[in-house]
């Protein structure tokens, strides 16, 4: 008997379902991975926006004389 058949017999109806991180929380490992993927993507978008904003203020701004506000 193979390991997968033994595991299937031991788990019964729960075989093939995602495991929960905490039984009382209701969040599966798949949900946690999806959350990490979305937040990582959002962080990189934020970093790109910050770099673009910085380049606009630092490089393009002085070309129009925005650094002399007095």
N, C-alpha and C. Protein backbone atom coordinates (compact mmCIF):
# COMPACT_ATOMS: atom_id res chain seq x y z
N UNK A 1 0.85 -1.17 0.00
CA UNK A 1 0.00 0.00 0.00
C UNK A 1 0.89 1.24 0.00
N UNK A 2 0.58 2.18 -0.90
CA UNK A 2 1.38 3.38 -1.01
C UNK A 2 1.02 4.40 0.06
N UNK A 3 1.90 5.37 0.19
CA UNK A 3 1.71 6.41 1.20
C UNK A 3 0.46 7.24 0.93
N UNK A 4 0.19 7.54 -0.32
CA UNK A 4 -0.98 8.36 -0.62
C UNK A 4 -2.28 7.62 -0.30
N UNK A 5 -2.34 6.33 -0.57
CA UNK A 5 -3.54 5.56 -0.23
C UNK A 5 -3.72 5.50 1.28
N UNK A 6 -2.64 5.33 2.00
CA UNK A 6 -2.71 5.28 3.46
C UNK A 6 -3.19 6.62 4.02
N UNK A 7 -2.66 7.69 3.46
CA UNK A 7 -3.07 9.03 3.90
C UNK A 7 -4.54 9.27 3.59
N UNK A 8 -4.98 8.82 2.41
CA UNK A 8 -6.38 9.00 2.02
C UNK A 8 -7.31 8.24 2.96
N UNK A 9 -6.91 7.05 3.35
CA UNK A 9 -7.73 6.27 4.27
C UNK A 9 -7.77 6.90 5.65
N UNK A 10 -6.65 7.46 6.12
CA UNK A 10 -6.61 8.08 7.44
C UNK A 10 -7.41 9.38 7.50
N UNK A 11 -7.33 10.19 6.43
CA UNK A 11 -8.00 11.49 6.45
C UNK A 11 -9.48 11.40 6.11
N UNK A 12 -9.86 10.44 5.31
CA UNK A 12 -11.27 10.28 4.94
C UNK A 12 -11.80 11.43 4.12
N UNK A 13 -12.82 12.14 4.61
CA UNK A 13 -13.45 13.24 3.87
C UNK A 13 -12.55 14.47 3.77
N UNK A 14 -11.60 14.61 4.66
CA UNK A 14 -10.72 15.78 4.66
C UNK A 14 -9.58 15.66 3.65
N UNK A 15 -9.48 14.53 2.98
CA UNK A 15 -8.39 14.32 2.01
C UNK A 15 -8.54 15.29 0.83
N UNK A 16 -7.47 15.99 0.51
CA UNK A 16 -7.46 16.92 -0.61
C UNK A 16 -7.91 18.32 -0.27
N UNK A 17 -8.35 18.57 0.93
CA UNK A 17 -8.78 19.91 1.33
C UNK A 17 -7.59 20.67 1.91
N UNK A 18 -7.64 21.99 1.76
CA UNK A 18 -6.56 22.82 2.30
C UNK A 18 -6.59 22.79 3.82
N UNK A 19 -5.38 22.77 4.41
CA UNK A 19 -5.28 22.82 5.86
C UNK A 19 -5.42 24.26 6.34
N UNK A 20 -6.03 24.42 7.49
CA UNK A 20 -6.18 25.75 8.07
C UNK A 20 -4.96 26.06 8.93
N UNK A 21 -4.58 27.33 8.95
CA UNK A 21 -3.44 27.75 9.76
C UNK A 21 -3.78 27.58 11.23
N UNK A 22 -4.90 28.12 11.64
CA UNK A 22 -5.44 27.93 12.98
C UNK A 22 -6.86 27.41 12.82
N UNK A 23 -7.24 26.37 13.52
CA UNK A 23 -8.60 25.83 13.36
C UNK A 23 -9.70 26.85 13.68
N UNK A 24 -9.46 27.73 14.62
CA UNK A 24 -10.47 28.69 15.02
C UNK A 24 -10.50 29.94 14.15
N UNK A 25 -9.51 30.12 13.27
CA UNK A 25 -9.41 31.33 12.47
C UNK A 25 -10.11 31.20 11.12
N UNK A 26 -10.05 30.04 10.51
CA UNK A 26 -10.72 29.83 9.24
C UNK A 26 -9.94 30.29 8.03
N UNK A 27 -8.65 30.53 8.17
CA UNK A 27 -7.82 30.94 7.05
C UNK A 27 -6.94 29.76 6.65
N UNK A 28 -7.00 29.42 5.37
CA UNK A 28 -6.20 28.29 4.89
C UNK A 28 -4.82 28.77 4.47
N UNK A 29 -3.94 27.82 4.23
CA UNK A 29 -2.60 28.17 3.77
C UNK A 29 -2.65 28.82 2.39
N UNK A 30 -3.59 28.40 1.58
CA UNK A 30 -3.75 29.00 0.25
C UNK A 30 -4.15 30.47 0.37
N UNK A 31 -5.05 30.78 1.31
CA UNK A 31 -5.45 32.17 1.55
C UNK A 31 -4.27 33.01 2.02
N UNK A 32 -3.44 32.44 2.89
CA UNK A 32 -2.28 33.15 3.40
C UNK A 32 -1.28 33.42 2.28
N UNK A 33 -1.07 32.45 1.41
CA UNK A 33 -0.16 32.66 0.28
C UNK A 33 -0.68 33.72 -0.67
N UNK A 34 -1.99 33.72 -0.89
CA UNK A 34 -2.60 34.74 -1.75
C UNK A 34 -2.45 36.13 -1.15
N UNK A 35 -2.61 36.25 0.18
CA UNK A 35 -2.45 37.52 0.86
C UNK A 35 -1.01 38.04 0.73
N UNK A 36 -0.04 37.15 0.90
CA UNK A 36 1.36 37.55 0.77
C UNK A 36 1.66 37.99 -0.66
N UNK A 37 1.11 37.29 -1.64
CA UNK A 37 1.35 37.64 -3.04
C UNK A 37 0.77 39.03 -3.35
N UNK A 38 -0.45 39.31 -2.90
CA UNK A 38 -1.07 40.61 -3.16
C UNK A 38 -0.35 41.74 -2.44
N UNK A 39 0.03 41.54 -1.19
CA UNK A 39 0.71 42.61 -0.46
C UNK A 39 2.10 42.87 -1.02
N UNK A 40 2.78 41.82 -1.48
CA UNK A 40 4.09 42.01 -2.11
C UNK A 40 3.95 42.82 -3.40
N UNK A 41 2.95 42.48 -4.19
CA UNK A 41 2.72 43.22 -5.43
C UNK A 41 2.38 44.68 -5.12
N UNK A 42 1.55 44.90 -4.11
CA UNK A 42 1.21 46.27 -3.73
C UNK A 42 2.40 47.06 -3.24
N UNK A 43 3.29 46.39 -2.50
CA UNK A 43 4.49 47.08 -2.02
C UNK A 43 5.37 47.50 -3.19
N UNK A 44 5.53 46.63 -4.18
CA UNK A 44 6.36 46.99 -5.34
C UNK A 44 5.73 48.11 -6.16
N UNK A 45 4.42 48.12 -6.25
CA UNK A 45 3.75 49.23 -6.94
C UNK A 45 3.97 50.53 -6.18
N UNK A 46 3.90 50.48 -4.85
CA UNK A 46 4.16 51.66 -4.04
C UNK A 46 5.59 52.16 -4.18
N UNK A 47 6.55 51.24 -4.23
CA UNK A 47 7.96 51.63 -4.41
C UNK A 47 8.15 52.29 -5.77
N UNK A 48 7.54 51.72 -6.82
CA UNK A 48 7.65 52.31 -8.15
C UNK A 48 7.02 53.70 -8.20
N UNK A 49 5.87 53.87 -7.55
CA UNK A 49 5.23 55.18 -7.49
C UNK A 49 6.10 56.18 -6.75
N UNK A 50 6.70 55.76 -5.64
CA UNK A 50 7.56 56.65 -4.88
C UNK A 50 8.79 57.07 -5.69
N UNK A 51 9.39 56.13 -6.42
CA UNK A 51 10.55 56.45 -7.26
C UNK A 51 10.16 57.41 -8.38
N UNK A 52 9.00 57.19 -8.98
CA UNK A 52 8.53 58.09 -10.04
C UNK A 52 8.24 59.48 -9.49
N UNK A 53 7.62 59.55 -8.33
CA UNK A 53 7.34 60.83 -7.69
C UNK A 53 8.63 61.56 -7.33
N UNK A 54 9.60 60.82 -6.80
CA UNK A 54 10.88 61.42 -6.44
C UNK A 54 11.59 61.96 -7.69
N UNK A 55 11.57 61.17 -8.77
CA UNK A 55 12.22 61.62 -10.01
C UNK A 55 11.54 62.87 -10.55
N UNK A 56 10.24 62.94 -10.42
CA UNK A 56 9.51 64.12 -10.89
C UNK A 56 9.91 65.36 -10.10
N UNK A 57 9.95 65.25 -8.79
CA UNK A 57 10.30 66.39 -7.95
C UNK A 57 11.78 66.75 -8.10
N UNK A 58 12.65 65.76 -8.14
CA UNK A 58 14.09 66.00 -8.13
C UNK A 58 14.64 66.42 -9.49
N UNK A 59 14.14 65.87 -10.57
CA UNK A 59 14.70 66.12 -11.90
C UNK A 59 13.86 67.10 -12.70
N UNK A 60 12.59 66.86 -12.79
CA UNK A 60 11.73 67.69 -13.64
C UNK A 60 11.39 69.01 -12.95
N UNK A 61 11.19 68.97 -11.64
CA UNK A 61 10.83 70.17 -10.89
C UNK A 61 11.80 71.33 -11.05
N UNK A 62 13.09 71.11 -10.85
CA UNK A 62 14.04 72.23 -11.02
C UNK A 62 14.10 72.77 -12.45
N UNK A 63 13.76 71.96 -13.42
CA UNK A 63 13.77 72.43 -14.81
C UNK A 63 12.72 73.50 -15.03
N UNK A 64 11.64 73.47 -14.26
CA UNK A 64 10.60 74.49 -14.37
C UNK A 64 10.74 75.59 -13.33
N UNK A 65 11.78 75.54 -12.52
CA UNK A 65 12.00 76.58 -11.52
C UNK A 65 11.19 76.40 -10.26
N UNK A 66 10.73 75.20 -10.00
CA UNK A 66 9.90 74.96 -8.81
C UNK A 66 10.70 74.97 -7.52
N UNK A 67 12.01 74.91 -7.61
CA UNK A 67 12.80 74.85 -6.38
C UNK A 67 12.95 76.23 -5.76
N UNK A 68 12.71 77.28 -6.51
CA UNK A 68 12.77 78.64 -5.97
C UNK A 68 11.37 79.11 -5.64
N UNK A 69 10.92 78.83 -4.46
CA UNK A 69 9.58 79.21 -4.07
C UNK A 69 9.52 80.57 -3.41
N UNK A 70 10.65 81.17 -3.04
CA UNK A 70 10.65 82.47 -2.36
C UNK A 70 10.60 83.60 -3.34
